[in-house]
C-alpha atoms as a PDB file:
ATOM      1  CA  MET A   1      61.407 162.159 100.538  1.00  0.00           C
ATOM      2  CA  MET A   2      60.170 161.384  96.955  1.00  0.00           C
ATOM      3  CA  MET A   3      63.388 159.948  95.949  1.00  0.00           C
ATOM      4  CA  THR A   4      63.321 157.580  98.933  1.00  0.00           C
ATOM      5  CA  ALA A   5      59.954 156.270  97.816  1.00  0.00           C
ATOM      6  CA  ILE A   6      61.124 155.873  94.339  1.00  0.00           C
ATOM      7  CA  ALA A   7      64.189 153.990  95.474  1.00  0.00           C
ATOM      8  CA  ALA A   8      62.294 151.720  97.734  1.00  0.00           C
ATOM      9  CA  MET A   9      60.193 150.544  94.821  1.00  0.00           C
ATOM     10  CA  CYS A  10      63.119 149.687  92.621  1.00  0.00           C
ATOM     11  CA  ALA A  11      64.679 146.263  92.788  1.00  0.00           C
ATOM     12  CA  LEU A  12      68.384 146.237  92.359  1.00  0.00           C
ATOM     13  CA  SER A  13      70.467 143.188  91.293  1.00  0.00           C
ATOM     14  CA  LEU A  14      74.059 142.782  90.488  1.00  0.00           C
ATOM     15  CA  THR A  15      75.803 139.841  88.980  1.00  0.00           C
ATOM     16  CA  LEU A  16      79.593 139.588  89.155  1.00  0.00           C
ATOM     17  CA  VAL A  17      81.486 137.094  86.931  1.00  0.00           C
ATOM     18  CA  PRO A  18      85.197 136.932  87.518  1.00  0.00           C
ATOM     19  CA  THR A  19      87.097 136.764  84.249  1.00  0.00           C
ATOM     20  CA  LEU A  20      89.690 134.016  84.091  1.00  0.00           C
ATOM     21  CA  SER A  21      92.190 133.632  81.377  1.00  0.00           C
ATOM     22  CA  ALA A  22      92.199 130.286  79.463  1.00  0.00           C
ATOM     23  CA  THR A  23      95.817 129.649  80.328  1.00  0.00           C
ATOM     24  CA  ARG A  24      95.294 129.855  84.165  1.00  0.00           C
ATOM     25  CA  LYS A  25      93.784 126.730  85.780  1.00  0.00           C
ATOM     26  CA  ILE A  26      91.578 126.938  88.841  1.00  0.00           C
ATOM     27  CA  PRO A  27      93.300 125.122  91.817  1.00  0.00           C
ATOM     28  CA  ILE A  28      91.223 122.213  93.135  1.00  0.00           C
ATOM     29  CA  ALA A  29      91.885 120.756  96.657  1.00  0.00           C
ATOM     30  CA  ASN A  30      92.434 116.931  96.497  1.00  0.00           C
ATOM     31  CA  PHE A  31      91.132 115.185  99.781  1.00  0.00           C
ATOM     32  CA  GLY A  32      91.848 111.602  98.386  1.00  0.00           C
ATOM     33  CA  GLU A  33      89.294 108.946  97.919  1.00  0.00           C
ATOM     34  CA  SER A  34      87.395 109.502 101.237  1.00  0.00           C
ATOM     35  CA  GLY A  35      86.715 113.155 100.347  1.00  0.00           C
ATOM     36  CA  ILE A  36      86.571 116.199 102.534  1.00  0.00           C
ATOM     37  CA  ILE A  37      86.156 115.748 106.290  1.00  0.00           C
ATOM     38  CA  ARG A  38      82.511 116.447 107.626  1.00  0.00           C
ATOM     39  CA  CYS A  39      80.846 116.382 110.897  1.00  0.00           C
ATOM     40  CA  ARG A  40      78.985 113.103 111.608  1.00  0.00           C
ATOM     41  CA  ARG A  41      76.019 114.810 113.223  1.00  0.00           C
ATOM     42  CA  CYS A  42      75.274 118.142 111.265  1.00  0.00           C
ATOM     43  CA  ARG A  43      77.311 117.323 108.042  1.00  0.00           C
ATOM     44  CA  ALA A  44      79.275 120.606 108.301  1.00  0.00           C
ATOM     45  CA  TYR A  45      82.627 120.732 106.457  1.00  0.00           C
ATOM     46  CA  ILE A  46      85.655 120.913 108.525  1.00  0.00           C
ATOM     47  CA  ASN A  47      86.673 124.527 108.713  1.00  0.00           C
ATOM     48  CA  PRO A  48      89.132 126.846 110.558  1.00  0.00           C
ATOM     49  CA  PHE A  49      86.792 127.320 113.477  1.00  0.00           C
ATOM     50  CA  ILE A  50      86.690 123.761 114.700  1.00  0.00           C
ATOM     51  CA  THR A  51      88.645 122.598 117.788  1.00  0.00           C
ATOM     52  CA  PHE A  52      91.185 119.724 117.710  1.00  0.00           C
ATOM     53  CA  THR A  53      91.207 117.505 120.760  1.00  0.00           C
ATOM     54  CA  GLU A  54      93.269 114.618 122.091  1.00  0.00           C
ATOM     55  CA  SER A  55      96.261 115.725 120.214  1.00  0.00           C
ATOM     56  CA  GLY A  56      94.450 115.932 116.900  1.00  0.00           C
ATOM     57  CA  ARG A  57      92.941 112.405 116.998  1.00  0.00           C
ATOM     58  CA  LYS A  58      89.444 114.159 117.389  1.00  0.00           C
ATOM     59  CA  TRP A  59      87.954 117.443 116.555  1.00  0.00           C
ATOM     60  CA  GLN A  60      84.834 119.258 117.862  1.00  0.00           C
ATOM     61  CA  CYS A  61      82.454 120.914 115.391  1.00  0.00           C
ATOM     62  CA  ASN A  62      81.974 124.599 115.962  1.00  0.00           C
ATOM     63  CA  LEU A  63      78.414 124.288 114.794  1.00  0.00           C
ATOM     64  CA  CYS A  64      76.857 121.559 116.787  1.00  0.00           C
ATOM     65  CA  ASP A  65      79.693 120.845 119.213  1.00  0.00           C
ATOM     66  CA  TYR A  66      79.812 117.172 118.505  1.00  0.00           C
ATOM     67  CA  VAL A  67      83.119 115.469 118.942  1.00  0.00           C
ATOM     68  CA  ASN A  68      84.227 113.611 115.850  1.00  0.00           C
ATOM     69  CA  ASP A  69      86.953 111.019 115.261  1.00  0.00           C
ATOM     70  CA  GLY A  70      89.758 112.359 113.194  1.00  0.00           C
ATOM     71  CA  ARG A  71      91.210 110.855 110.235  1.00  0.00           C
ATOM     72  CA  ALA A  72      94.895 109.548 110.661  1.00  0.00           C
ATOM     73  CA  SER A  73      95.837 111.214 107.308  1.00  0.00           C
ATOM     74  CA  ALA A  74      94.695 114.505 108.527  1.00  0.00           C
ATOM     75  CA  ALA A  75      96.354 114.373 112.052  1.00  0.00           C
ATOM     76  CA  CYS A  76      99.128 116.759 112.879  1.00  0.00           C
ATOM     77  CA  VAL A  77     101.247 117.649 115.764  1.00  0.00           C
ATOM     78  CA  LEU A  78      99.237 120.224 117.839  1.00  0.00           C
ATOM     79  CA  ALA A  79     101.511 120.532 120.906  1.00  0.00           C
ATOM     80  CA  GLN A  80     103.439 123.295 119.274  1.00  0.00           C
ATOM     81  CA  GLN A  81     100.275 125.307 118.438  1.00  0.00           C
ATOM     82  CA  GLN A  82      98.770 125.247 121.916  1.00  0.00           C
ATOM     83  CA  PRO A  83      99.020 128.576 123.764  1.00  0.00           C
ATOM     84  CA  SER A  84     100.884 128.159 127.065  1.00  0.00           C
ATOM     85  CA  HIS A  85      98.930 129.417 130.165  1.00  0.00           C
END
């Protein structure tokens, strides 16, 4: 019981810094001049959990459920990805 009380009073912090060799470059995504796609209502970034609608012409935000217009450059063929019911 005494060790638990002492441990509860001690703050613990940990900082991790990944090492990166000088020869290896960090990959950076290029979204063009218009930047990364974001929700018009809540400004969330497009992510793997959004839902595409209207064959990829629109997408629904998974955070606020707003249906956004899609970018023509980001559109893709979704018919092959839809599960058959």
